[in-house]
Each structure stands twice: as structure tokens, then as C-alpha cells.
Amino acid sequence: MADKPTRPSQSVLTLLIDTAATIAAAWAVQEAVDQAWKAARGHKPPRADDPNDGGLKEALAAAAITGALVAASRVLATRGAVRVAGRVERKRTRHLR
């Protein structure tokens, strides 16, 4: 029977760091988009739940920009979390030897 490639399991530490980093990155991106949109358009991006807050094109543009940047920040945060957790795990295992 052929061995199936296994996906490395994430430690609890990696998951905690990843969660915290992802939340922080998403918040920072949202704040940056709000500030940039306000500087460029004179107001904050329209809210999806308020039909009277800007036109559909503007709401879709804001959603697309925010979504793309949040997704990119999530990738970067996750990769950074894996690196940080790996360093911590290596240091911990060195001390146990």
C-alpha cells in the first residue's frame, strides 16, 4: 500500500499565533483601506448593509479591494506564524535535550 502524503499537523502554538496574527492583520488592513478611501473619496467606504450608503459600483469596489488585501494579509500572517512557531519549537526542543 502506497503511503499517502501527509500534511504536517499544526501545533497549538502555531494555531494561536496564526489566529492572533490573522485578526490583527485583517484589522490593520481594514483601517488602512478606510483611511485611504477617505483620503481619495472624502468619505469612508460604503457599508454593505446600508443600501443608502453609496452606489453599488462603489460598494463592490470597496469590497473587492478590502477582500483582496485581507486575503493577502492572511497568507502573510499565516506564513509568519508558522515561521515564528517553528523557531519557538526548535528552541524548546533544544532545551529539552
N, C-alpha and C. Protein backbone atom coordinates (compact mmCIF):
# COMPACT_ATOMS: atom_id res chain seq x y z
N MET A 1 0.85 -1.18 0.00
CA MET A 1 0.00 0.00 0.00
C MET A 1 0.89 1.24 0.00
N ALA A 2 0.64 2.13 -0.91
CA ALA A 2 1.45 3.34 -1.02
C ALA A 2 1.11 4.31 0.10
N ASP A 3 2.16 4.94 0.58
CA ASP A 3 1.95 5.93 1.62
C ASP A 3 1.35 7.18 1.01
N LYS A 4 0.34 7.70 1.67
CA LYS A 4 -0.27 8.95 1.23
C LYS A 4 0.57 10.10 1.77
N PRO A 5 0.76 11.14 0.97
CA PRO A 5 1.47 12.29 1.51
C PRO A 5 0.64 12.91 2.64
N THR A 6 1.30 13.17 3.72
CA THR A 6 0.58 13.74 4.86
C THR A 6 0.89 15.22 4.96
N ARG A 7 -0.08 15.90 5.42
CA ARG A 7 0.06 17.33 5.66
C ARG A 7 0.59 17.51 7.07
N PRO A 8 1.61 18.33 7.26
CA PRO A 8 2.14 18.48 8.61
C PRO A 8 1.07 19.06 9.54
N SER A 9 0.97 18.46 10.69
CA SER A 9 -0.03 18.96 11.64
C SER A 9 0.50 20.24 12.30
N GLN A 10 -0.41 21.12 12.59
CA GLN A 10 -0.01 22.37 13.23
C GLN A 10 -0.12 22.22 14.73
N SER A 11 0.85 22.77 15.41
CA SER A 11 0.81 22.73 16.86
C SER A 11 -0.21 23.75 17.36
N VAL A 12 -0.57 23.60 18.60
CA VAL A 12 -1.49 24.55 19.22
C VAL A 12 -0.87 25.94 19.21
N LEU A 13 0.43 26.01 19.44
CA LEU A 13 1.12 27.29 19.43
C LEU A 13 0.99 27.96 18.06
N THR A 14 1.18 27.19 17.00
CA THR A 14 1.05 27.73 15.65
C THR A 14 -0.36 28.25 15.41
N LEU A 15 -1.34 27.49 15.82
CA LEU A 15 -2.73 27.91 15.63
C LEU A 15 -3.04 29.19 16.40
N LEU A 16 -2.55 29.30 17.62
CA LEU A 16 -2.79 30.51 18.42
C LEU A 16 -2.12 31.73 17.80
N ILE A 17 -0.85 31.56 17.41
CA ILE A 17 -0.14 32.68 16.79
C ILE A 17 -0.81 33.07 15.48
N ASP A 18 -1.19 32.06 14.69
CA ASP A 18 -1.84 32.32 13.41
C ASP A 18 -3.15 33.07 13.59
N THR A 19 -3.95 32.65 14.55
CA THR A 19 -5.23 33.31 14.79
C THR A 19 -5.03 34.77 15.20
N ALA A 20 -4.12 35.00 16.14
CA ALA A 20 -3.87 36.37 16.60
C ALA A 20 -3.32 37.24 15.46
N ALA A 21 -2.38 36.69 14.70
CA ALA A 21 -1.78 37.46 13.61
C ALA A 21 -2.80 37.76 12.51
N THR A 22 -3.65 36.79 12.22
CA THR A 22 -4.67 36.99 11.18
C THR A 22 -5.67 38.06 11.58
N ILE A 23 -6.12 38.01 12.82
CA ILE A 23 -7.07 39.03 13.30
C ILE A 23 -6.43 40.41 13.27
N ALA A 24 -5.20 40.51 13.74
CA ALA A 24 -4.51 41.80 13.75
C ALA A 24 -4.29 42.32 12.33
N ALA A 25 -3.90 41.43 11.42
CA ALA A 25 -3.66 41.84 10.04
C ALA A 25 -4.95 42.30 9.36
N ALA A 26 -6.04 41.57 9.58
CA ALA A 26 -7.32 41.96 8.98
C ALA A 26 -7.78 43.31 9.50
N TRP A 27 -7.61 43.53 10.80
CA TRP A 27 -8.00 44.82 11.39
C TRP A 27 -7.15 45.94 10.79
N ALA A 28 -5.83 45.71 10.69
CA ALA A 28 -4.94 46.74 10.16
C ALA A 28 -5.28 47.06 8.70
N VAL A 29 -5.58 46.04 7.92
CA VAL A 29 -5.95 46.26 6.52
C VAL A 29 -7.24 47.06 6.44
N GLN A 30 -8.22 46.72 7.24
CA GLN A 30 -9.50 47.44 7.22
C GLN A 30 -9.29 48.91 7.57
N GLU A 31 -8.48 49.16 8.58
CA GLU A 31 -8.19 50.55 8.95
C GLU A 31 -7.47 51.29 7.83
N ALA A 32 -6.51 50.63 7.20
CA ALA A 32 -5.76 51.25 6.11
C ALA A 32 -6.67 51.55 4.92
N VAL A 33 -7.54 50.61 4.58
CA VAL A 33 -8.48 50.84 3.48
C VAL A 33 -9.42 52.00 3.82
N ASP A 34 -9.92 52.03 5.05
CA ASP A 34 -10.80 53.13 5.46
C ASP A 34 -10.10 54.48 5.29
N GLN A 35 -8.86 54.57 5.76
CA GLN A 35 -8.12 55.83 5.69
C GLN A 35 -7.81 56.21 4.23
N ALA A 36 -7.38 55.23 3.44
CA ALA A 36 -7.05 55.51 2.04
C ALA A 36 -8.30 55.91 1.26
N TRP A 37 -9.40 55.22 1.53
CA TRP A 37 -10.66 55.54 0.83
C TRP A 37 -11.11 56.95 1.21
N LYS A 38 -10.99 57.27 2.49
CA LYS A 38 -11.41 58.60 2.96
C LYS A 38 -10.54 59.68 2.33
N ALA A 39 -9.24 59.42 2.21
CA ALA A 39 -8.34 60.40 1.59
C ALA A 39 -8.65 60.58 0.10
N ALA A 40 -8.99 59.49 -0.57
CA ALA A 40 -9.23 59.55 -2.01
C ALA A 40 -10.64 60.02 -2.36
N ARG A 41 -11.62 59.60 -1.58
CA ARG A 41 -13.03 59.86 -1.93
C ARG A 41 -13.72 60.88 -1.01
N GLY A 42 -13.08 61.20 0.11
CA GLY A 42 -13.68 62.18 1.01
C GLY A 42 -14.62 61.58 2.05
N HIS A 43 -14.79 60.26 2.02
CA HIS A 43 -15.64 59.59 3.00
C HIS A 43 -15.18 58.14 3.15
N LYS A 44 -15.65 57.49 4.20
CA LYS A 44 -15.29 56.08 4.41
C LYS A 44 -15.94 55.21 3.34
N PRO A 45 -15.42 53.99 3.14
CA PRO A 45 -16.05 53.10 2.16
C PRO A 45 -17.50 52.81 2.53
N PRO A 46 -18.35 52.59 1.54
CA PRO A 46 -19.75 52.31 1.84
C PRO A 46 -19.89 50.97 2.57
N ARG A 47 -20.89 50.91 3.43
CA ARG A 47 -21.17 49.67 4.17
C ARG A 47 -22.12 48.81 3.37
N ALA A 48 -21.87 47.52 3.38
CA ALA A 48 -22.69 46.59 2.60
C ALA A 48 -24.12 46.51 3.12
N ASP A 49 -24.30 46.71 4.41
CA ASP A 49 -25.64 46.55 4.99
C ASP A 49 -26.49 47.82 4.93
N ASP A 50 -25.98 48.88 4.31
CA ASP A 50 -26.73 50.13 4.21
C ASP A 50 -26.91 50.49 2.73
N PRO A 51 -28.10 50.22 2.16
CA PRO A 51 -28.31 50.49 0.73
C PRO A 51 -28.24 51.97 0.38
N ASN A 52 -28.38 52.85 1.34
CA ASN A 52 -28.32 54.29 1.09
C ASN A 52 -26.91 54.84 1.20
N ASP A 53 -25.94 53.97 1.46
CA ASP A 53 -24.56 54.40 1.68
C ASP A 53 -23.73 54.16 0.42
N GLY A 54 -23.86 55.03 -0.56
CA GLY A 54 -23.09 54.91 -1.80
C GLY A 54 -23.76 54.01 -2.81
N GLY A 55 -23.25 54.05 -4.02
CA GLY A 55 -23.80 53.24 -5.10
C GLY A 55 -23.25 51.82 -5.07
N LEU A 56 -23.87 50.98 -5.88
CA LEU A 56 -23.47 49.58 -5.95
C LEU A 56 -22.04 49.43 -6.45
N LYS A 57 -21.66 50.19 -7.47
CA LYS A 57 -20.30 50.10 -8.01
C LYS A 57 -19.26 50.44 -6.94
N GLU A 58 -19.55 51.49 -6.18
CA GLU A 58 -18.61 51.90 -5.14
C GLU A 58 -18.53 50.84 -4.04
N ALA A 59 -19.66 50.27 -3.67
CA ALA A 59 -19.68 49.22 -2.64
C ALA A 59 -18.92 47.98 -3.11
N LEU A 60 -19.11 47.60 -4.38
CA LEU A 60 -18.40 46.44 -4.93
C LEU A 60 -16.90 46.70 -5.02
N ALA A 61 -16.52 47.90 -5.40
CA ALA A 61 -15.10 48.24 -5.47
C ALA A 61 -14.46 48.17 -4.08
N ALA A 62 -15.15 48.72 -3.10
CA ALA A 62 -14.63 48.69 -1.72
C ALA A 62 -14.50 47.25 -1.23
N ALA A 63 -15.50 46.43 -1.53
CA ALA A 63 -15.48 45.02 -1.09
C ALA A 63 -14.34 44.26 -1.78
N ALA A 64 -14.15 44.50 -3.07
CA ALA A 64 -13.10 43.80 -3.80
C ALA A 64 -11.71 44.18 -3.29
N ILE A 65 -11.50 45.46 -3.09
CA ILE A 65 -10.20 45.93 -2.60
C ILE A 65 -9.94 45.39 -1.20
N THR A 66 -10.92 45.53 -0.32
CA THR A 66 -10.75 45.05 1.05
C THR A 66 -10.55 43.55 1.09
N GLY A 67 -11.35 42.82 0.33
CA GLY A 67 -11.24 41.36 0.32
C GLY A 67 -9.88 40.88 -0.17
N ALA A 68 -9.39 41.49 -1.24
CA ALA A 68 -8.09 41.09 -1.78
C ALA A 68 -6.97 41.37 -0.78
N LEU A 69 -7.01 42.54 -0.16
CA LEU A 69 -5.96 42.89 0.79
C LEU A 69 -6.03 42.05 2.06
N VAL A 70 -7.23 41.76 2.54
CA VAL A 70 -7.37 40.90 3.72
C VAL A 70 -6.87 39.50 3.41
N ALA A 71 -7.20 38.98 2.24
CA ALA A 71 -6.74 37.64 1.86
C ALA A 71 -5.21 37.59 1.78
N ALA A 72 -4.62 38.61 1.19
CA ALA A 72 -3.15 38.66 1.11
C ALA A 72 -2.53 38.77 2.49
N SER A 73 -3.12 39.59 3.36
CA SER A 73 -2.57 39.73 4.71
C SER A 73 -2.71 38.44 5.50
N ARG A 74 -3.76 37.69 5.22
CA ARG A 74 -3.95 36.40 5.91
C ARG A 74 -2.85 35.41 5.50
N VAL A 75 -2.53 35.38 4.22
CA VAL A 75 -1.45 34.50 3.75
C VAL A 75 -0.14 34.87 4.44
N LEU A 76 0.17 36.16 4.45
CA LEU A 76 1.41 36.61 5.08
C LEU A 76 1.42 36.33 6.58
N ALA A 77 0.30 36.55 7.25
CA ALA A 77 0.21 36.30 8.69
C ALA A 77 0.37 34.82 8.99
N THR A 78 -0.25 33.96 8.20
CA THR A 78 -0.15 32.52 8.42
C THR A 78 1.27 32.04 8.21
N ARG A 79 1.91 32.48 7.15
CA ARG A 79 3.29 32.06 6.90
C ARG A 79 4.22 32.58 8.00
N GLY A 80 3.99 33.79 8.44
CA GLY A 80 4.80 34.32 9.53
C GLY A 80 4.58 33.55 10.82
N ALA A 81 3.34 33.18 11.09
CA ALA A 81 3.03 32.42 12.31
C ALA A 81 3.71 31.06 12.29
N VAL A 82 3.72 30.41 11.14
CA VAL A 82 4.39 29.11 11.03
C VAL A 82 5.88 29.26 11.29
N ARG A 83 6.49 30.31 10.75
CA ARG A 83 7.92 30.54 10.99
C ARG A 83 8.22 30.81 12.45
N VAL A 84 7.42 31.68 13.07
CA VAL A 84 7.64 32.01 14.49
C VAL A 84 7.45 30.78 15.36
N ALA A 85 6.38 30.04 15.13
CA ALA A 85 6.13 28.84 15.93
C ALA A 85 7.23 27.82 15.71
N GLY A 86 7.74 27.70 14.50
CA GLY A 86 8.85 26.78 14.23
C GLY A 86 10.09 27.15 15.01
N ARG A 87 10.40 28.44 15.07
CA ARG A 87 11.55 28.90 15.86
C ARG A 87 11.37 28.57 17.33
N VAL A 88 10.17 28.83 17.84
CA VAL A 88 9.90 28.56 19.26
C VAL A 88 10.02 27.07 19.53
N GLU A 89 9.46 26.24 18.65
CA GLU A 89 9.52 24.79 18.83
C GLU A 89 10.96 24.29 18.79
N ARG A 90 11.77 24.82 17.86
CA ARG A 90 13.17 24.40 17.78
C ARG A 90 13.93 24.78 19.05
N LYS A 91 13.69 25.99 19.55
CA LYS A 91 14.36 26.40 20.79
C LYS A 91 13.92 25.52 21.95
N ARG A 92 12.64 25.20 21.98
CA ARG A 92 12.12 24.38 23.07
C ARG A 92 12.70 22.97 23.03
N THR A 93 12.81 22.40 21.84
CA THR A 93 13.35 21.04 21.75
C THR A 93 14.85 21.03 22.04
N ARG A 94 15.57 22.10 21.72
CA ARG A 94 16.99 22.18 22.07
C ARG A 94 17.18 22.18 23.57
N HIS A 95 16.30 22.88 24.28
CA HIS A 95 16.41 22.95 25.74
C HIS A 95 16.06 21.63 26.39
N LEU A 96 15.26 20.82 25.74
CA LEU A 96 14.86 19.53 26.31
C LEU A 96 15.94 18.47 26.14
N ARG A 97 16.89 18.67 25.25
CA ARG A 97 17.93 17.66 25.01
C ARG A 97 18.98 17.67 26.04
